N, C-alpha and C. Protein backbone atom coordinates (compact mmCIF):
# COMPACT_ATOMS: atom_id res chain seq x y z
N UNK A 1 38.52 53.31 8.42
CA UNK A 1 39.49 53.37 9.50
C UNK A 1 40.87 53.66 8.89
N UNK A 2 41.58 54.63 9.45
CA UNK A 2 42.90 54.97 8.93
C UNK A 2 43.98 54.28 9.74
N UNK A 3 45.11 54.10 9.08
CA UNK A 3 46.25 53.46 9.76
C UNK A 3 46.81 54.41 10.81
N UNK A 4 47.32 53.87 11.92
CA UNK A 4 47.92 54.73 12.95
C UNK A 4 49.17 55.43 12.41
N UNK A 5 49.48 56.59 12.98
CA UNK A 5 50.65 57.37 12.57
C UNK A 5 51.95 56.59 12.76
N UNK A 6 52.06 55.86 13.86
CA UNK A 6 53.29 55.09 14.08
C UNK A 6 53.09 53.70 13.51
N UNK A 7 54.18 53.13 13.03
CA UNK A 7 54.09 51.80 12.46
C UNK A 7 55.27 50.98 12.89
N UNK A 8 55.60 49.97 12.14
CA UNK A 8 56.75 49.14 12.49
C UNK A 8 58.03 49.95 12.38
N UNK A 9 59.09 49.51 13.04
CA UNK A 9 60.36 50.22 12.98
C UNK A 9 60.85 50.35 11.54
N UNK A 10 61.56 51.43 11.27
CA UNK A 10 62.13 51.65 9.94
C UNK A 10 63.14 50.55 9.63
N UNK A 11 63.31 50.28 8.35
CA UNK A 11 64.26 49.25 7.94
C UNK A 11 65.69 49.65 8.33
N UNK A 12 66.00 50.93 8.23
CA UNK A 12 67.34 51.40 8.61
C UNK A 12 67.22 52.33 9.80
N UNK A 13 67.81 51.94 10.90
CA UNK A 13 67.74 52.75 12.11
C UNK A 13 68.79 53.86 12.04
N UNK A 14 68.46 55.00 12.60
CA UNK A 14 69.41 56.11 12.64
C UNK A 14 70.43 55.93 13.76
N UNK A 15 70.05 55.17 14.79
CA UNK A 15 70.91 54.97 15.96
C UNK A 15 71.18 53.48 16.14
N UNK A 16 72.40 53.19 16.59
CA UNK A 16 72.81 51.79 16.77
C UNK A 16 73.60 51.64 18.06
N UNK A 17 73.71 50.39 18.51
CA UNK A 17 74.62 50.04 19.59
C UNK A 17 75.63 49.07 18.97
N UNK A 18 76.91 49.40 19.11
CA UNK A 18 77.97 48.57 18.55
C UNK A 18 78.57 47.74 19.67
N UNK A 19 78.62 46.42 19.48
CA UNK A 19 79.19 45.50 20.45
C UNK A 19 80.61 45.15 20.04
N UNK A 20 81.53 45.24 21.00
CA UNK A 20 82.93 44.90 20.75
C UNK A 20 83.42 44.09 21.94
N UNK A 21 83.84 42.85 21.70
CA UNK A 21 84.41 42.02 22.76
C UNK A 21 85.92 42.27 22.82
N UNK A 22 86.42 42.55 24.02
CA UNK A 22 87.84 42.87 24.22
C UNK A 22 88.50 41.81 25.10
N UNK A 23 89.80 41.66 24.92
CA UNK A 23 90.55 40.63 25.65
C UNK A 23 90.60 40.91 27.15
N UNK A 24 90.68 42.18 27.53
CA UNK A 24 90.80 42.52 28.95
C UNK A 24 90.36 43.96 29.19
N UNK A 25 90.35 44.34 30.47
CA UNK A 25 89.89 45.67 30.87
C UNK A 25 90.76 46.78 30.28
N UNK A 26 92.08 46.57 30.21
CA UNK A 26 92.97 47.60 29.67
C UNK A 26 92.64 47.88 28.21
N UNK A 27 92.47 46.83 27.42
CA UNK A 27 92.13 47.02 26.02
C UNK A 27 90.76 47.68 25.88
N UNK A 28 89.81 47.25 26.67
CA UNK A 28 88.46 47.82 26.63
C UNK A 28 88.49 49.31 26.97
N UNK A 29 89.25 49.69 27.97
CA UNK A 29 89.34 51.09 28.35
C UNK A 29 89.98 51.92 27.25
N UNK A 30 91.05 51.41 26.63
CA UNK A 30 91.70 52.13 25.52
C UNK A 30 90.73 52.36 24.36
N UNK A 31 89.99 51.32 24.00
CA UNK A 31 89.07 51.43 22.88
C UNK A 31 87.91 52.36 23.23
N UNK A 32 87.35 52.21 24.42
CA UNK A 32 86.24 53.07 24.84
C UNK A 32 86.65 54.54 24.81
N UNK A 33 87.81 54.85 25.36
CA UNK A 33 88.29 56.24 25.38
C UNK A 33 88.53 56.75 23.96
N UNK A 34 89.08 55.91 23.10
CA UNK A 34 89.34 56.32 21.71
C UNK A 34 88.02 56.66 21.00
N UNK A 35 86.98 55.87 21.24
CA UNK A 35 85.69 56.12 20.61
C UNK A 35 85.07 57.41 21.10
N UNK A 36 85.17 57.68 22.40
CA UNK A 36 84.60 58.91 22.96
C UNK A 36 85.42 60.12 22.52
N UNK A 37 86.74 60.03 22.61
CA UNK A 37 87.59 61.15 22.22
C UNK A 37 87.40 61.53 20.75
N UNK A 38 87.17 60.54 19.89
CA UNK A 38 86.96 60.79 18.46
C UNK A 38 85.52 61.21 18.15
N UNK A 39 84.69 61.25 19.16
CA UNK A 39 83.26 61.57 19.01
C UNK A 39 82.57 60.59 18.05
N UNK A 40 83.05 59.34 18.07
CA UNK A 40 82.44 58.29 17.27
C UNK A 40 81.28 57.64 18.02
N UNK A 41 81.26 57.79 19.34
CA UNK A 41 80.18 57.26 20.18
C UNK A 41 79.88 58.28 21.28
N UNK A 42 78.64 58.28 21.73
CA UNK A 42 78.24 59.19 22.81
C UNK A 42 78.52 58.57 24.17
N UNK A 43 78.44 57.25 24.25
CA UNK A 43 78.61 56.53 25.51
C UNK A 43 79.12 55.14 25.19
N UNK A 44 80.04 54.66 26.02
CA UNK A 44 80.52 53.28 25.87
C UNK A 44 80.48 52.64 27.26
N UNK A 45 79.70 51.59 27.38
CA UNK A 45 79.63 50.84 28.64
C UNK A 45 80.47 49.58 28.50
N UNK A 46 81.00 49.09 29.62
CA UNK A 46 81.78 47.85 29.59
C UNK A 46 81.24 46.87 30.62
N UNK A 47 81.17 45.61 30.20
CA UNK A 47 80.64 44.55 31.05
C UNK A 47 81.57 43.35 31.01
N UNK A 48 81.85 42.74 32.16
CA UNK A 48 82.64 41.50 32.14
C UNK A 48 81.76 40.37 31.59
N UNK A 49 82.33 39.58 30.69
CA UNK A 49 81.58 38.46 30.09
C UNK A 49 82.47 37.22 30.03
N UNK A 50 81.85 36.10 29.78
CA UNK A 50 82.56 34.85 29.55
C UNK A 50 82.10 34.35 28.19
N UNK A 51 83.03 34.13 27.27
CA UNK A 51 82.70 33.73 25.90
C UNK A 51 83.18 32.31 25.63
N UNK A 52 82.32 31.52 25.01
CA UNK A 52 82.69 30.20 24.54
C UNK A 52 82.51 30.22 23.03
N UNK A 53 83.55 29.81 22.32
CA UNK A 53 83.54 29.95 20.86
C UNK A 53 84.47 28.92 20.22
N UNK A 54 84.33 28.76 18.92
CA UNK A 54 85.20 27.88 18.17
C UNK A 54 86.20 28.76 17.42
N UNK A 55 87.50 28.44 17.55
CA UNK A 55 88.55 29.16 16.85
C UNK A 55 89.58 28.17 16.38
N UNK A 56 89.75 28.07 15.08
CA UNK A 56 90.72 27.16 14.46
C UNK A 56 90.54 25.73 14.95
N UNK A 57 89.31 25.26 14.85
CA UNK A 57 88.93 23.88 15.20
C UNK A 57 89.11 23.53 16.67
N UNK A 58 89.16 24.53 17.51
CA UNK A 58 89.27 24.30 18.96
C UNK A 58 88.15 25.07 19.65
N UNK A 59 87.52 24.47 20.64
CA UNK A 59 86.50 25.15 21.43
C UNK A 59 87.19 25.77 22.64
N UNK A 60 87.01 27.09 22.77
CA UNK A 60 87.68 27.85 23.82
C UNK A 60 86.66 28.58 24.69
N UNK A 61 87.01 28.84 25.92
CA UNK A 61 86.22 29.67 26.82
C UNK A 61 87.16 30.67 27.47
N UNK A 62 86.81 31.95 27.35
CA UNK A 62 87.67 33.01 27.88
C UNK A 62 86.85 34.08 28.58
N UNK A 63 87.47 34.75 29.53
CA UNK A 63 86.89 35.96 30.11
C UNK A 63 87.23 37.11 29.18
N UNK A 64 86.25 37.96 28.94
CA UNK A 64 86.44 39.12 28.09
C UNK A 64 85.69 40.30 28.69
N UNK A 65 85.82 41.44 28.06
CA UNK A 65 85.06 42.63 28.43
C UNK A 65 84.28 43.05 27.20
N UNK A 66 82.95 43.17 27.34
CA UNK A 66 82.09 43.56 26.23
C UNK A 66 81.82 45.05 26.29
N UNK A 67 82.12 45.75 25.19
CA UNK A 67 81.81 47.17 25.07
C UNK A 67 80.48 47.32 24.36
N UNK A 68 79.66 48.24 24.85
CA UNK A 68 78.39 48.61 24.23
C UNK A 68 78.49 50.09 23.90
N UNK A 69 78.69 50.41 22.63
CA UNK A 69 78.87 51.80 22.21
C UNK A 69 77.57 52.32 21.60
N UNK A 70 77.04 53.41 22.16
CA UNK A 70 75.82 54.02 21.64
C UNK A 70 76.23 55.11 20.66
N UNK A 71 75.67 55.06 19.45
CA UNK A 71 76.10 55.97 18.39
C UNK A 71 75.04 56.09 17.32
N UNK A 72 75.39 56.78 16.25
CA UNK A 72 74.53 56.88 15.07
C UNK A 72 75.01 55.85 14.04
N UNK A 73 74.10 55.41 13.20
CA UNK A 73 74.44 54.41 12.17
C UNK A 73 75.52 54.94 11.23
N UNK A 74 75.50 56.24 10.95
CA UNK A 74 76.48 56.79 10.01
C UNK A 74 77.89 56.87 10.61
N UNK A 75 78.05 56.52 11.88
CA UNK A 75 79.37 56.52 12.52
C UNK A 75 79.99 55.11 12.57
N UNK A 76 79.29 54.11 12.06
CA UNK A 76 79.79 52.73 12.18
C UNK A 76 81.17 52.56 11.54
N UNK A 77 81.38 53.09 10.36
CA UNK A 77 82.67 52.91 9.68
C UNK A 77 83.81 53.52 10.50
N UNK A 78 83.57 54.65 11.14
CA UNK A 78 84.60 55.26 12.00
C UNK A 78 84.88 54.39 13.20
N UNK A 79 83.83 53.84 13.80
CA UNK A 79 84.02 52.94 14.95
C UNK A 79 84.81 51.72 14.54
N UNK A 80 84.46 51.13 13.41
CA UNK A 80 85.19 49.95 12.93
C UNK A 80 86.68 50.26 12.76
N UNK A 81 86.99 51.38 12.14
CA UNK A 81 88.40 51.74 11.91
C UNK A 81 89.14 51.96 13.23
N UNK A 82 88.51 52.65 14.18
CA UNK A 82 89.14 52.90 15.48
C UNK A 82 89.36 51.61 16.25
N UNK A 83 88.37 50.73 16.25
CA UNK A 83 88.49 49.46 16.97
C UNK A 83 89.60 48.61 16.34
N UNK A 84 89.62 48.50 15.04
CA UNK A 84 90.66 47.69 14.37
C UNK A 84 92.06 48.23 14.66
N UNK A 85 92.20 49.54 14.79
CA UNK A 85 93.51 50.14 15.07
C UNK A 85 94.00 49.81 16.48
N UNK A 86 93.08 49.59 17.42
CA UNK A 86 93.45 49.36 18.82
C UNK A 86 93.33 47.91 19.28
N UNK A 87 92.63 47.08 18.50
CA UNK A 87 92.28 45.73 18.96
C UNK A 87 93.38 44.74 18.66
N UNK A 88 93.57 43.77 19.55
CA UNK A 88 94.62 42.77 19.35
C UNK A 88 94.12 41.50 18.69
N UNK A 89 92.80 41.30 18.61
CA UNK A 89 92.28 40.08 18.00
C UNK A 89 92.46 40.12 16.48
N UNK A 90 92.72 38.96 15.91
CA UNK A 90 92.82 38.84 14.45
C UNK A 90 91.47 39.15 13.79
N UNK A 91 90.39 38.68 14.41
CA UNK A 91 89.03 38.92 13.91
C UNK A 91 88.20 39.47 15.07
N UNK A 92 88.25 40.78 15.29
CA UNK A 92 87.50 41.34 16.42
C UNK A 92 85.99 41.35 16.14
N UNK A 93 85.24 41.19 17.21
CA UNK A 93 83.78 41.31 17.13
C UNK A 93 83.46 42.80 17.05
N UNK A 94 82.87 43.21 15.94
CA UNK A 94 82.41 44.59 15.77
C UNK A 94 81.06 44.48 15.06
N UNK A 95 79.99 44.43 15.83
CA UNK A 95 78.66 44.25 15.26
C UNK A 95 77.72 45.34 15.77
N UNK A 96 76.80 45.73 14.92
CA UNK A 96 75.85 46.78 15.28
C UNK A 96 74.45 46.21 15.44
N UNK A 97 73.75 46.71 16.44
CA UNK A 97 72.35 46.36 16.68
C UNK A 97 71.55 47.66 16.55
N UNK A 98 70.52 47.68 15.70
CA UNK A 98 69.76 48.92 15.54
C UNK A 98 68.87 49.20 16.74
N UNK A 99 68.68 50.48 17.04
CA UNK A 99 67.72 50.87 18.05
C UNK A 99 66.33 50.76 17.41
N UNK A 100 65.44 50.06 18.06
CA UNK A 100 64.07 49.96 17.58
C UNK A 100 63.28 51.18 18.04
N UNK A 101 63.60 51.67 19.24
CA UNK A 101 62.94 52.84 19.79
C UNK A 101 63.86 53.45 20.83
N UNK A 102 63.60 54.70 21.16
CA UNK A 102 64.35 55.41 22.20
C UNK A 102 63.68 56.72 22.50
N UNK A 103 63.94 57.26 23.67
CA UNK A 103 63.33 58.54 24.01
C UNK A 103 63.98 59.65 23.18
N UNK A 104 63.20 60.65 22.87
CA UNK A 104 63.68 61.76 22.03
C UNK A 104 64.87 62.46 22.67
N UNK A 105 64.83 62.63 24.00
CA UNK A 105 65.94 63.35 24.64
C UNK A 105 67.23 62.52 24.61
N UNK A 106 67.14 61.20 24.78
CA UNK A 106 68.34 60.35 24.74
C UNK A 106 68.91 60.30 23.32
N UNK A 107 68.06 60.10 22.33
CA UNK A 107 68.54 60.04 20.95
C UNK A 107 69.10 61.39 20.51
N UNK A 108 68.49 62.47 20.98
CA UNK A 108 69.02 63.81 20.69
C UNK A 108 70.39 64.01 21.31
N UNK A 109 70.58 63.48 22.52
CA UNK A 109 71.89 63.57 23.18
C UNK A 109 72.94 62.83 22.36
N UNK A 110 72.61 61.62 21.87
CA UNK A 110 73.54 60.89 21.02
C UNK A 110 73.89 61.72 19.80
N UNK A 111 72.87 62.29 19.16
CA UNK A 111 73.12 63.11 17.97
C UNK A 111 74.06 64.28 18.25
N UNK A 112 73.90 64.92 19.40
CA UNK A 112 74.76 66.06 19.75
C UNK A 112 76.18 65.64 20.06
N UNK A 113 76.36 64.46 20.67
CA UNK A 113 77.69 64.03 21.11
C UNK A 113 78.53 63.35 20.04
N UNK A 114 77.87 62.75 19.06
CA UNK A 114 78.59 62.03 18.00
C UNK A 114 78.86 63.03 16.87
N UNK A 115 80.14 63.20 16.55
CA UNK A 115 80.52 64.13 15.49
C UNK A 115 80.10 63.64 14.13
N UNK A 116 80.04 64.54 13.18
CA UNK A 116 79.66 64.21 11.81
C UNK A 116 80.77 63.39 11.15
N UNK A 117 80.37 62.45 10.29
CA UNK A 117 81.37 61.62 9.60
C UNK A 117 82.20 62.46 8.63
């Protein structure tokens, strides 16, 4: 019996979703537009969220806007630089989640829309 052609996801994904928590809608819109204009992401969605976290020995709860940027893994450094340039937080959330799977047409669209590093 031979192993199937498809197997577990690759260790390094070609496509990622970058999460960025923003202080408010205005900041989120500025960052989202900067990412799209720079062709660092193909799509950026924004969602209202409520975050509870520890900061400087204090537990805080704030309303924020979460950005979900769809891009290629090789664009992460550009996204990080753009977000840091526009973000007001001292330590902004900039984390990537790898795509485990996606349709060929959607991933191809991301590839076409995200410029080369």
